[in-house]
């Protein structure tokens, strides 16, 4: 089963959003969750367990839950608020001299306390969040970007990484075996192969509406 990223996602009662991330347990090379960003405002991103996947048909991911059930799942982005002191600009004055204008302020400016929102991704400890477009590096340099994953539907284990390789003209999708994946850090996937070895890998036949 393919898990395309930035693809349409359907619940049992209609289109509900699109896929933005997959969460991976790197120890067992298993996909644990899909992050679905809802189509309607406020465009909340939900953490969807892999057992809710139903099928991938024509580049669309189908879920076995309804839209209402999706909205009950945990959000991927958590917003916390921290207090921060800023100058109180309400005491500034405005004036005009000739053809120009200026601002001036009192000798002492008081501060006010405001709450500033800070967003955090809710990634389970020890897991990785990978999105479409994540950079892929061979042993001798940059080779492409993550396009999607191929997963065994029986156990949710990743079997291959599909990479979009090449330049703007003449792009192709290459299927990379799991054994070739190395570490992942700083939004980059590192492979154990060099560029010549990657060129020899088979292409993966993807047919997308946006290609």
N, C-alpha and C. Protein backbone atom coordinates (compact mmCIF):
# COMPACT_ATOMS: atom_id res chain seq x y z
N UNK A 1 0.84 -1.19 0.00
CA UNK A 1 0.00 0.00 0.00
C UNK A 1 0.88 1.24 0.00
N UNK A 2 0.59 2.17 -0.90
CA UNK A 2 1.33 3.43 -0.95
C UNK A 2 0.73 4.41 0.05
N UNK A 3 1.58 5.24 0.64
CA UNK A 3 1.10 6.33 1.49
C UNK A 3 1.61 7.64 0.89
N UNK A 4 0.87 8.24 -0.02
CA UNK A 4 1.30 9.50 -0.63
C UNK A 4 1.15 10.66 0.34
N UNK A 5 2.03 11.63 0.23
CA UNK A 5 1.97 12.82 1.07
C UNK A 5 1.47 13.99 0.23
N UNK A 6 0.76 14.91 0.88
CA UNK A 6 0.07 16.00 0.20
C UNK A 6 -0.99 15.44 -0.75
N UNK A 7 -1.60 14.34 -0.36
CA UNK A 7 -2.64 13.71 -1.15
C UNK A 7 -3.99 13.89 -0.47
N UNK A 8 -5.06 13.79 -1.25
CA UNK A 8 -6.41 13.92 -0.71
C UNK A 8 -6.72 12.76 0.23
N UNK A 9 -7.42 13.07 1.33
CA UNK A 9 -7.81 12.05 2.29
C UNK A 9 -9.33 12.04 2.39
N UNK A 10 -9.92 10.84 2.34
CA UNK A 10 -11.36 10.71 2.42
C UNK A 10 -11.76 9.93 3.67
N UNK A 11 -12.77 10.45 4.39
CA UNK A 11 -13.40 9.70 5.46
C UNK A 11 -14.55 8.91 4.86
N UNK A 12 -15.27 8.15 5.68
CA UNK A 12 -16.37 7.35 5.16
C UNK A 12 -17.52 8.21 4.65
N UNK A 13 -17.57 9.48 5.09
CA UNK A 13 -18.66 10.37 4.66
C UNK A 13 -18.17 11.54 3.82
N UNK A 14 -17.03 11.37 3.13
CA UNK A 14 -16.59 12.40 2.21
C UNK A 14 -15.16 12.86 2.42
N UNK A 15 -14.72 13.78 1.56
CA UNK A 15 -13.36 14.33 1.64
C UNK A 15 -13.20 15.09 2.95
N UNK A 16 -12.10 14.82 3.65
CA UNK A 16 -11.90 15.45 4.96
C UNK A 16 -10.62 16.28 5.03
N UNK A 17 -9.70 16.13 4.08
CA UNK A 17 -8.47 16.92 4.15
C UNK A 17 -7.40 16.34 3.26
N UNK A 18 -6.12 16.54 3.67
CA UNK A 18 -5.01 15.98 2.91
C UNK A 18 -3.90 15.56 3.87
N UNK A 19 -3.06 14.64 3.41
CA UNK A 19 -1.98 14.10 4.23
C UNK A 19 -0.78 15.05 4.22
N UNK A 20 -0.20 15.29 5.39
CA UNK A 20 0.94 16.20 5.46
C UNK A 20 2.21 15.56 6.03
N UNK A 21 2.07 14.61 6.93
CA UNK A 21 3.22 13.93 7.52
C UNK A 21 2.88 12.46 7.72
N UNK A 22 3.92 11.63 7.82
CA UNK A 22 3.78 10.30 8.40
C UNK A 22 4.69 10.27 9.62
N UNK A 23 4.26 9.57 10.67
CA UNK A 23 5.08 9.37 11.85
C UNK A 23 5.64 7.96 11.78
N UNK A 24 6.95 7.84 11.98
CA UNK A 24 7.64 6.57 11.81
C UNK A 24 8.40 6.21 13.08
N UNK A 25 8.29 4.94 13.47
CA UNK A 25 9.12 4.40 14.53
C UNK A 25 10.38 3.85 13.85
N UNK A 26 11.53 4.54 13.98
CA UNK A 26 12.73 4.12 13.24
C UNK A 26 13.35 2.83 13.76
N UNK A 27 12.99 2.42 14.96
CA UNK A 27 13.57 1.20 15.53
C UNK A 27 13.04 -0.03 14.79
N UNK A 28 11.73 -0.03 14.50
CA UNK A 28 11.13 -1.17 13.82
C UNK A 28 10.73 -0.84 12.38
N UNK A 29 11.11 0.37 11.92
CA UNK A 29 10.81 0.80 10.55
C UNK A 29 9.33 0.64 10.23
N UNK A 30 8.51 1.17 11.12
CA UNK A 30 7.07 1.01 10.98
C UNK A 30 6.37 2.36 11.01
N UNK A 31 5.42 2.55 10.09
CA UNK A 31 4.58 3.74 10.12
C UNK A 31 3.57 3.57 11.25
N UNK A 32 3.48 4.55 12.13
CA UNK A 32 2.56 4.46 13.26
C UNK A 32 1.33 5.34 13.09
N UNK A 33 1.51 6.52 12.44
CA UNK A 33 0.40 7.46 12.29
C UNK A 33 0.53 8.23 10.98
N UNK A 34 -0.58 8.75 10.52
CA UNK A 34 -0.63 9.70 9.41
C UNK A 34 -1.18 11.00 9.96
N UNK A 35 -0.58 12.12 9.58
CA UNK A 35 -1.08 13.43 10.00
C UNK A 35 -1.97 13.97 8.88
N UNK A 36 -3.24 14.19 9.22
CA UNK A 36 -4.23 14.67 8.25
C UNK A 36 -4.63 16.09 8.60
N UNK A 37 -4.47 17.00 7.64
CA UNK A 37 -4.87 18.39 7.82
C UNK A 37 -6.26 18.56 7.24
N UNK A 38 -7.23 18.93 8.09
CA UNK A 38 -8.61 19.01 7.62
C UNK A 38 -8.79 20.11 6.59
N UNK A 39 -9.73 19.88 5.68
CA UNK A 39 -9.96 20.81 4.58
C UNK A 39 -10.66 22.08 5.03
N UNK A 40 -11.55 21.97 6.02
CA UNK A 40 -12.33 23.12 6.48
C UNK A 40 -11.58 23.89 7.56
N UNK A 41 -11.86 25.17 7.66
CA UNK A 41 -11.28 25.99 8.72
C UNK A 41 -11.72 25.44 10.07
N UNK A 42 -10.84 25.41 11.07
CA UNK A 42 -9.53 26.07 11.17
C UNK A 42 -8.36 25.24 10.67
N UNK A 43 -8.60 24.24 9.81
CA UNK A 43 -7.54 23.43 9.20
C UNK A 43 -6.65 22.73 10.23
N UNK A 44 -7.31 22.15 11.23
CA UNK A 44 -6.59 21.43 12.27
C UNK A 44 -5.90 20.19 11.69
N UNK A 45 -4.70 19.90 12.20
CA UNK A 45 -3.98 18.70 11.81
C UNK A 45 -4.19 17.63 12.88
N UNK A 46 -4.68 16.46 12.47
CA UNK A 46 -4.99 15.39 13.41
C UNK A 46 -4.02 14.22 13.26
N UNK A 47 -3.74 13.55 14.39
CA UNK A 47 -2.89 12.36 14.41
C UNK A 47 -3.78 11.14 14.22
N UNK A 48 -3.66 10.49 13.06
CA UNK A 48 -4.53 9.37 12.71
C UNK A 48 -3.75 8.06 12.83
N UNK A 49 -4.16 7.14 13.70
CA UNK A 49 -3.46 5.85 13.84
C UNK A 49 -3.49 5.06 12.54
N UNK A 50 -2.46 4.26 12.33
CA UNK A 50 -2.33 3.52 11.08
C UNK A 50 -3.47 2.51 10.90
N UNK A 51 -4.06 2.04 12.00
CA UNK A 51 -5.13 1.05 11.86
C UNK A 51 -6.43 1.65 11.33
N UNK A 52 -6.45 2.98 11.13
CA UNK A 52 -7.62 3.64 10.56
C UNK A 52 -7.51 3.72 9.03
N UNK A 53 -6.30 3.44 8.48
CA UNK A 53 -6.12 3.42 7.03
C UNK A 53 -7.02 2.34 6.44
N UNK A 54 -7.68 2.65 5.36
CA UNK A 54 -8.52 1.66 4.69
C UNK A 54 -7.89 1.22 3.38
N UNK A 55 -7.54 2.20 2.52
CA UNK A 55 -6.93 1.87 1.23
C UNK A 55 -6.36 3.14 0.61
N UNK A 56 -5.51 2.97 -0.40
CA UNK A 56 -5.02 4.07 -1.21
C UNK A 56 -5.44 3.79 -2.65
N UNK A 57 -6.32 4.61 -3.18
CA UNK A 57 -6.84 4.40 -4.53
C UNK A 57 -6.65 5.67 -5.35
N UNK A 58 -5.95 5.55 -6.47
CA UNK A 58 -5.73 6.67 -7.39
C UNK A 58 -5.18 7.90 -6.66
N UNK A 59 -4.19 7.66 -5.79
CA UNK A 59 -3.56 8.78 -5.10
C UNK A 59 -4.38 9.36 -3.97
N UNK A 60 -5.50 8.74 -3.61
CA UNK A 60 -6.34 9.20 -2.51
C UNK A 60 -6.30 8.20 -1.36
N UNK A 61 -6.08 8.70 -0.16
CA UNK A 61 -6.04 7.84 1.02
C UNK A 61 -7.44 7.76 1.62
N UNK A 62 -7.92 6.55 1.82
CA UNK A 62 -9.23 6.35 2.41
C UNK A 62 -9.10 5.89 3.85
N UNK A 63 -9.89 6.51 4.73
CA UNK A 63 -9.90 6.15 6.14
C UNK A 63 -11.20 5.43 6.48
N UNK A 64 -11.15 4.64 7.53
CA UNK A 64 -12.33 3.89 7.94
C UNK A 64 -13.12 4.61 9.02
N UNK A 65 -12.90 5.92 9.18
CA UNK A 65 -13.61 6.70 10.19
C UNK A 65 -14.40 7.82 9.51
N UNK A 66 -15.36 8.38 10.23
CA UNK A 66 -16.15 9.50 9.72
C UNK A 66 -15.44 10.82 10.03
N UNK A 67 -15.93 11.91 9.47
CA UNK A 67 -15.35 13.22 9.76
C UNK A 67 -15.48 13.56 11.24
N UNK A 68 -16.62 13.21 11.83
CA UNK A 68 -16.83 13.49 13.26
C UNK A 68 -15.84 12.71 14.11
N UNK A 69 -15.55 11.47 13.72
CA UNK A 69 -14.58 10.66 14.46
C UNK A 69 -13.17 11.22 14.29
N UNK A 70 -12.86 11.72 13.10
CA UNK A 70 -11.55 12.34 12.87
C UNK A 70 -11.35 13.53 13.79
N UNK A 71 -12.38 14.33 13.96
CA UNK A 71 -12.28 15.53 14.79
C UNK A 71 -12.12 15.21 16.27
N UNK A 72 -12.33 13.97 16.66
CA UNK A 72 -12.13 13.56 18.05
C UNK A 72 -10.71 13.07 18.31
N UNK A 73 -9.91 12.94 17.25
CA UNK A 73 -8.54 12.47 17.41
C UNK A 73 -7.63 13.60 17.89
N UNK A 74 -6.48 13.21 18.42
CA UNK A 74 -5.56 14.19 19.01
C UNK A 74 -4.99 15.12 17.94
N UNK A 75 -4.90 16.43 18.25
CA UNK A 75 -4.30 17.36 17.30
C UNK A 75 -2.78 17.19 17.25
N UNK A 76 -2.20 17.40 16.06
CA UNK A 76 -0.76 17.27 15.88
C UNK A 76 -0.03 18.50 16.42
N UNK A 77 -0.66 19.65 16.28
CA UNK A 77 -0.06 20.91 16.74
C UNK A 77 -0.72 21.33 18.05
N UNK A 78 0.08 21.49 19.08
CA UNK A 78 -0.41 21.98 20.36
C UNK A 78 0.08 23.40 20.56
N UNK A 79 -0.83 24.28 20.95
CA UNK A 79 -0.48 25.68 21.16
C UNK A 79 -0.41 25.99 22.64
N UNK A 80 0.75 26.44 23.10
CA UNK A 80 0.93 26.90 24.47
C UNK A 80 1.10 28.41 24.46
N UNK A 81 0.86 29.03 25.59
CA UNK A 81 0.98 30.49 25.70
C UNK A 81 2.00 30.84 26.77
N UNK A 82 2.95 31.69 26.38
CA UNK A 82 3.94 32.17 27.34
C UNK A 82 3.76 33.67 27.53
N UNK A 83 4.12 34.15 28.71
CA UNK A 83 3.99 35.58 28.99
C UNK A 83 5.27 36.31 28.59
N UNK A 84 5.07 37.46 27.96
CA UNK A 84 6.21 38.24 27.47
C UNK A 84 5.93 39.71 27.71
N UNK A 85 6.94 40.44 28.13
CA UNK A 85 6.80 41.88 28.38
C UNK A 85 7.20 42.66 27.14
N UNK A 86 6.37 43.63 26.76
CA UNK A 86 6.66 44.48 25.61
C UNK A 86 6.39 45.94 26.00
N UNK A 87 7.02 46.90 25.31
CA UNK A 87 6.76 48.33 25.60
C UNK A 87 5.30 48.68 25.33
N UNK A 88 4.77 49.59 26.12
CA UNK A 88 3.40 50.06 25.92
C UNK A 88 3.44 51.24 24.96
N UNK A 89 3.19 50.99 23.68
CA UNK A 89 3.28 52.02 22.66
C UNK A 89 2.09 52.99 22.67
N UNK A 90 1.12 52.74 23.54
CA UNK A 90 -0.03 53.63 23.58
C UNK A 90 0.34 55.02 24.09
N UNK A 91 1.50 55.13 24.74
CA UNK A 91 1.93 56.43 25.26
C UNK A 91 2.71 57.26 24.24
N UNK A 92 2.96 56.69 23.08
CA UNK A 92 3.67 57.46 22.04
C UNK A 92 2.78 58.58 21.53
N UNK A 93 3.40 59.66 21.13
CA UNK A 93 2.67 60.82 20.62
C UNK A 93 3.04 61.05 19.15
N UNK A 94 2.15 61.70 18.44
CA UNK A 94 2.35 61.94 17.01
C UNK A 94 2.35 63.44 16.76
N UNK A 95 3.29 63.90 15.94
CA UNK A 95 3.35 65.33 15.65
C UNK A 95 3.69 65.60 14.20
N UNK A 96 3.53 66.85 13.78
CA UNK A 96 3.81 67.24 12.40
C UNK A 96 4.66 68.50 12.41
N UNK A 97 5.74 68.48 11.61
CA UNK A 97 6.58 69.67 11.45
C UNK A 97 6.74 69.91 9.96
N UNK A 98 6.24 71.06 9.46
CA UNK A 98 6.38 71.39 8.05
C UNK A 98 5.79 70.31 7.17
N UNK A 99 6.62 69.77 6.26
CA UNK A 99 6.16 68.76 5.31
C UNK A 99 6.29 67.34 5.85
N UNK A 100 6.88 67.17 7.04
CA UNK A 100 7.11 65.83 7.57
C UNK A 100 6.32 65.55 8.84
N UNK A 101 6.43 64.30 9.32
CA UNK A 101 5.76 63.91 10.56
C UNK A 101 6.75 63.12 11.41
N UNK A 102 6.46 62.99 12.67
CA UNK A 102 7.37 62.28 13.56
C UNK A 102 6.59 61.70 14.73
N UNK A 103 7.25 60.75 15.43
CA UNK A 103 6.73 60.18 16.67
C UNK A 103 7.69 60.58 17.79
N UNK A 104 7.16 60.81 18.98
CA UNK A 104 8.03 60.95 20.13
C UNK A 104 7.40 60.22 21.30
N UNK A 105 8.22 59.83 22.27
CA UNK A 105 7.73 59.06 23.39
C UNK A 105 8.18 59.69 24.70
N UNK A 106 7.54 59.30 25.80
CA UNK A 106 7.94 59.84 27.09
C UNK A 106 9.33 59.34 27.48
N UNK A 107 9.94 60.02 28.48
CA UNK A 107 11.28 59.62 28.90
C UNK A 107 11.30 58.20 29.47
N UNK A 108 10.25 57.80 30.10
CA UNK A 108 10.16 56.45 30.66
C UNK A 108 8.94 55.75 30.04
N UNK A 109 9.18 54.60 29.42
CA UNK A 109 8.10 53.83 28.81
C UNK A 109 7.80 52.61 29.68
N UNK A 110 6.57 52.47 30.07
CA UNK A 110 6.21 51.32 30.89
C UNK A 110 6.03 50.09 30.00
N UNK A 111 6.10 48.91 30.62
CA UNK A 111 5.92 47.65 29.90
C UNK A 111 4.60 47.00 30.28
N UNK A 112 4.03 46.26 29.34
CA UNK A 112 2.82 45.50 29.62
C UNK A 112 3.10 44.02 29.33
N UNK A 113 2.38 43.16 29.99
CA UNK A 113 2.55 41.71 29.82
C UNK A 113 1.49 41.19 28.86
N UNK A 114 1.93 40.44 27.84
CA UNK A 114 1.02 39.85 26.87
C UNK A 114 1.29 38.35 26.79
N UNK A 115 0.31 37.61 26.30
CA UNK A 115 0.47 36.17 26.10
C UNK A 115 0.80 35.91 24.63
N UNK A 116 1.90 35.21 24.39
CA UNK A 116 2.35 34.92 23.03
C UNK A 116 2.16 33.44 22.74
N UNK A 117 1.45 33.09 21.64
CA UNK A 117 1.24 31.67 21.32
C UNK A 117 2.51 31.01 20.78
N UNK A 118 2.80 29.80 21.24
CA UNK A 118 3.95 29.02 20.77
C UNK A 118 3.42 27.64 20.38
N UNK A 119 3.66 27.22 19.13
CA UNK A 119 3.15 25.95 18.64
C UNK A 119 4.21 24.85 18.74
N UNK A 120 3.77 23.64 19.10
CA UNK A 120 4.65 22.48 19.21
C UNK A 120 4.02 21.30 18.47
N UNK A 121 4.85 20.53 17.74
CA UNK A 121 4.37 19.30 17.11
C UNK A 121 4.30 18.20 18.17
N UNK A 122 3.22 17.46 18.17
CA UNK A 122 3.02 16.37 19.11
C UNK A 122 3.57 15.07 18.52
N UNK A 123 4.90 14.93 18.53
CA UNK A 123 5.55 13.74 17.99
C UNK A 123 5.87 12.79 19.14
N UNK A 124 5.39 11.55 19.11
CA UNK A 124 5.70 10.60 20.18
C UNK A 124 7.21 10.46 20.36
N UNK A 125 7.63 10.24 21.60
CA UNK A 125 9.05 10.11 21.92
C UNK A 125 9.68 8.99 21.10
N UNK A 126 10.80 9.30 20.47
CA UNK A 126 11.53 8.29 19.71
C UNK A 126 11.08 8.12 18.28
N UNK A 127 10.02 8.85 17.85
CA UNK A 127 9.52 8.70 16.50
C UNK A 127 9.94 9.90 15.63
N UNK A 128 9.81 9.73 14.32
CA UNK A 128 10.19 10.75 13.35
C UNK A 128 8.97 11.22 12.58
N UNK A 129 8.92 12.50 12.26
CA UNK A 129 7.87 13.05 11.40
C UNK A 129 8.49 13.43 10.07
N UNK A 130 8.02 12.80 9.00
CA UNK A 130 8.57 13.07 7.67
C UNK A 130 7.45 13.54 6.77
N UNK A 131 7.71 14.60 6.03
CA UNK A 131 6.71 15.14 5.12
C UNK A 131 7.20 15.06 3.68
N UNK A 132 6.29 15.25 2.75
CA UNK A 132 6.66 15.25 1.34
C UNK A 132 7.59 16.43 1.09
N UNK A 133 8.70 16.17 0.42
CA UNK A 133 9.67 17.22 0.16
C UNK A 133 10.87 17.18 1.09
N UNK A 134 10.87 16.25 2.07
CA UNK A 134 12.03 16.11 2.95
C UNK A 134 13.27 15.81 2.10
N UNK A 135 14.35 16.47 2.40
CA UNK A 135 15.61 16.35 1.64
C UNK A 135 16.19 14.94 1.77
N UNK A 136 16.72 14.40 0.66
CA UNK A 136 17.37 13.08 0.67
C UNK A 136 18.82 13.25 0.23
N UNK A 137 19.74 12.72 1.06
CA UNK A 137 21.18 12.82 0.77
C UNK A 137 21.76 11.44 0.55
N UNK A 138 22.53 11.28 -0.54
CA UNK A 138 23.32 10.08 -0.76
C UNK A 138 24.64 10.24 0.01
N UNK A 139 25.49 9.23 -0.06
CA UNK A 139 26.78 9.34 0.63
C UNK A 139 27.66 10.42 0.03
N UNK A 140 27.36 10.80 -1.23
CA UNK A 140 28.17 11.82 -1.90
C UNK A 140 27.35 13.05 -2.28
N UNK A 141 26.28 13.32 -1.53
CA UNK A 141 25.58 14.58 -1.76
C UNK A 141 24.09 14.44 -1.99
N UNK A 142 23.45 15.58 -2.24
CA UNK A 142 22.00 15.67 -2.41
C UNK A 142 21.54 14.95 -3.68
N UNK A 143 20.42 14.20 -3.56
CA UNK A 143 19.92 13.46 -4.72
C UNK A 143 18.43 13.68 -5.00
N UNK A 144 17.67 14.18 -4.04
CA UNK A 144 16.24 14.36 -4.31
C UNK A 144 15.44 14.64 -3.06
N UNK A 145 14.13 14.41 -3.16
CA UNK A 145 13.23 14.67 -2.04
C UNK A 145 12.26 13.52 -1.86
N UNK A 146 11.82 13.34 -0.62
CA UNK A 146 10.86 12.28 -0.30
C UNK A 146 9.54 12.56 -1.02
N UNK A 147 9.00 11.53 -1.67
CA UNK A 147 7.74 11.66 -2.38
C UNK A 147 6.63 10.94 -1.62
N UNK A 148 6.90 9.70 -1.21
CA UNK A 148 5.92 8.93 -0.45
C UNK A 148 6.59 7.67 0.08
N UNK A 149 5.80 6.81 0.73
CA UNK A 149 6.31 5.55 1.25
C UNK A 149 5.46 4.41 0.72
N UNK A 150 6.09 3.23 0.62
CA UNK A 150 5.35 2.02 0.30
C UNK A 150 5.35 1.18 1.57
N UNK A 151 4.14 0.78 2.00
CA UNK A 151 3.98 0.11 3.29
C UNK A 151 3.28 -1.22 3.10
N UNK A 152 3.72 -2.23 3.83
CA UNK A 152 3.05 -3.52 3.85
C UNK A 152 1.78 -3.36 4.68
N UNK A 153 0.59 -3.49 4.07
CA UNK A 153 -0.66 -3.26 4.80
C UNK A 153 -0.92 -4.28 5.90
N UNK A 154 -0.21 -5.41 5.88
CA UNK A 154 -0.45 -6.44 6.89
C UNK A 154 0.19 -6.10 8.23
N UNK A 155 1.32 -5.39 8.19
CA UNK A 155 1.99 -5.08 9.45
C UNK A 155 2.42 -3.63 9.58
N UNK A 156 2.10 -2.79 8.59
CA UNK A 156 2.42 -1.35 8.59
C UNK A 156 3.92 -1.08 8.53
N UNK A 157 4.72 -2.07 8.16
CA UNK A 157 6.16 -1.86 8.03
C UNK A 157 6.47 -1.21 6.69
N UNK A 158 7.41 -0.28 6.72
CA UNK A 158 7.85 0.37 5.49
C UNK A 158 8.66 -0.63 4.67
N UNK A 159 8.33 -0.76 3.40
CA UNK A 159 9.12 -1.63 2.52
C UNK A 159 10.03 -0.82 1.62
N UNK A 160 9.58 0.37 1.18
CA UNK A 160 10.38 1.22 0.30
C UNK A 160 10.09 2.69 0.56
N UNK A 161 11.07 3.50 0.25
CA UNK A 161 10.92 4.95 0.19
C UNK A 161 10.87 5.34 -1.27
N UNK A 162 9.90 6.16 -1.65
CA UNK A 162 9.83 6.65 -3.03
C UNK A 162 10.38 8.06 -3.05
N UNK A 163 11.42 8.28 -3.87
CA UNK A 163 12.11 9.56 -3.92
C UNK A 163 11.90 10.22 -5.27
N UNK A 164 11.59 11.49 -5.27
CA UNK A 164 11.53 12.27 -6.51
C UNK A 164 12.93 12.78 -6.81
N UNK A 165 13.47 12.30 -7.93
CA UNK A 165 14.86 12.58 -8.29
C UNK A 165 14.92 13.47 -9.52
N UNK A 166 15.97 14.24 -9.63
CA UNK A 166 16.21 14.99 -10.85
C UNK A 166 15.90 16.46 -10.74
N UNK A 167 15.93 17.14 -11.88
CA UNK A 167 15.71 18.56 -11.95
C UNK A 167 14.26 18.84 -12.36
N UNK A 168 13.93 20.09 -12.54
CA UNK A 168 12.57 20.47 -12.89
C UNK A 168 12.08 19.75 -14.13
N UNK A 169 12.95 19.61 -15.13
CA UNK A 169 12.61 18.87 -16.35
C UNK A 169 13.24 17.50 -16.27
N UNK A 170 12.46 16.48 -16.54
CA UNK A 170 12.98 15.12 -16.52
C UNK A 170 13.00 14.49 -15.15
N UNK A 171 12.09 14.89 -14.26
CA UNK A 171 12.02 14.27 -12.95
C UNK A 171 11.57 12.82 -13.07
N UNK A 172 11.99 12.01 -12.14
CA UNK A 172 11.50 10.64 -12.09
C UNK A 172 11.43 10.20 -10.64
N UNK A 173 10.54 9.22 -10.37
CA UNK A 173 10.39 8.68 -9.03
C UNK A 173 11.17 7.38 -8.94
N UNK A 174 12.04 7.29 -7.94
CA UNK A 174 12.89 6.12 -7.76
C UNK A 174 12.47 5.42 -6.47
N UNK A 175 12.37 4.10 -6.53
CA UNK A 175 12.00 3.32 -5.35
C UNK A 175 13.28 2.84 -4.67
N UNK A 176 13.40 3.18 -3.38
CA UNK A 176 14.61 2.88 -2.61
C UNK A 176 14.29 1.85 -1.54
N UNK A 177 14.99 0.73 -1.53
CA UNK A 177 14.70 -0.31 -0.53
C UNK A 177 15.01 0.17 0.89
N UNK A 178 14.30 -0.39 1.82
CA UNK A 178 14.45 -0.01 3.22
C UNK A 178 15.88 -0.17 3.71
N UNK A 179 16.58 -1.19 3.21
CA UNK A 179 17.94 -1.47 3.66
C UNK A 179 18.90 -0.34 3.32
N UNK A 180 18.52 0.53 2.36
CA UNK A 180 19.40 1.62 1.93
C UNK A 180 19.24 2.86 2.79
N UNK A 181 18.21 2.89 3.66
CA UNK A 181 17.99 4.06 4.51
C UNK A 181 18.96 4.07 5.68
N UNK A 182 19.53 5.25 5.93
CA UNK A 182 20.39 5.43 7.09
C UNK A 182 19.67 6.23 8.15
N UNK A 183 20.34 7.21 8.69
CA UNK A 183 19.74 8.02 9.76
C UNK A 183 18.92 9.16 9.17
N UNK A 184 18.10 9.76 10.02
CA UNK A 184 17.30 10.92 9.66
C UNK A 184 17.53 11.99 10.71
N UNK A 185 17.90 13.18 10.25
CA UNK A 185 18.09 14.29 11.19
C UNK A 185 17.96 15.61 10.45
N UNK A 186 17.49 16.62 11.20
CA UNK A 186 17.36 17.98 10.66
C UNK A 186 16.59 17.99 9.34
N UNK A 187 15.45 17.27 9.30
CA UNK A 187 14.60 17.23 8.12
C UNK A 187 15.32 16.70 6.87
N UNK A 188 16.28 15.80 7.09
CA UNK A 188 17.02 15.18 6.00
C UNK A 188 17.12 13.68 6.22
N UNK A 189 16.86 12.91 5.16
CA UNK A 189 17.03 11.46 5.20
C UNK A 189 18.36 11.13 4.53
N UNK A 190 19.21 10.37 5.22
CA UNK A 190 20.52 10.00 4.68
C UNK A 190 20.48 8.55 4.22
N UNK A 191 20.98 8.31 3.00
CA UNK A 191 21.01 6.98 2.43
C UNK A 191 22.40 6.37 2.55
N UNK A 192 22.46 5.05 2.41
CA UNK A 192 23.73 4.34 2.45
C UNK A 192 24.29 4.14 1.04
N UNK A 193 23.63 4.71 0.04
CA UNK A 193 24.02 4.55 -1.36
C UNK A 193 24.64 5.83 -1.90
N UNK A 194 25.47 5.69 -2.94
CA UNK A 194 25.99 6.88 -3.61
C UNK A 194 25.11 7.19 -4.83
N UNK A 195 25.40 8.27 -5.51
CA UNK A 195 24.56 8.72 -6.62
C UNK A 195 24.51 7.71 -7.77
N UNK A 196 25.63 7.06 -8.07
CA UNK A 196 25.65 6.09 -9.17
C UNK A 196 24.77 4.88 -8.84
N UNK A 197 24.79 4.44 -7.59
CA UNK A 197 23.95 3.32 -7.18
C UNK A 197 22.47 3.69 -7.25
N UNK A 198 22.15 4.92 -6.91
CA UNK A 198 20.76 5.37 -6.96
C UNK A 198 20.27 5.46 -8.39
N UNK A 199 21.13 5.90 -9.30
CA UNK A 199 20.75 5.98 -10.72
C UNK A 199 20.39 4.61 -11.28
N UNK A 200 20.97 3.55 -10.71
CA UNK A 200 20.72 2.21 -11.20
C UNK A 200 19.44 1.60 -10.63
N UNK A 201 18.80 2.26 -9.67
CA UNK A 201 17.58 1.73 -9.06
C UNK A 201 16.40 1.88 -10.02
N UNK A 202 15.41 1.01 -9.91
CA UNK A 202 14.25 1.09 -10.81
C UNK A 202 13.38 2.29 -10.51
N UNK A 203 12.72 2.80 -11.56
CA UNK A 203 11.76 3.88 -11.37
C UNK A 203 10.46 3.32 -10.82
N UNK A 204 9.69 4.20 -10.16
CA UNK A 204 8.42 3.80 -9.58
C UNK A 204 7.30 4.47 -10.36
N UNK A 205 6.39 3.73 -10.96
CA UNK A 205 5.35 4.34 -11.80
C UNK A 205 4.24 5.02 -11.01
N UNK A 206 4.37 6.32 -10.82
CA UNK A 206 3.36 7.09 -10.13
C UNK A 206 2.58 7.92 -11.13
N UNK A 207 1.30 7.99 -10.97
CA UNK A 207 0.45 8.77 -11.86
C UNK A 207 -0.42 9.68 -11.00
N UNK A 208 0.01 10.93 -10.86
CA UNK A 208 -0.69 11.86 -9.99
C UNK A 208 -1.36 12.93 -10.80
N UNK A 209 -2.46 13.45 -10.24
CA UNK A 209 -3.20 14.51 -10.93
C UNK A 209 -2.37 15.78 -11.05
N UNK A 210 -1.46 15.99 -10.06
CA UNK A 210 -0.70 17.25 -10.08
C UNK A 210 0.62 17.13 -10.85
N UNK A 211 0.96 15.96 -11.36
CA UNK A 211 2.20 15.81 -12.14
C UNK A 211 1.99 16.33 -13.56
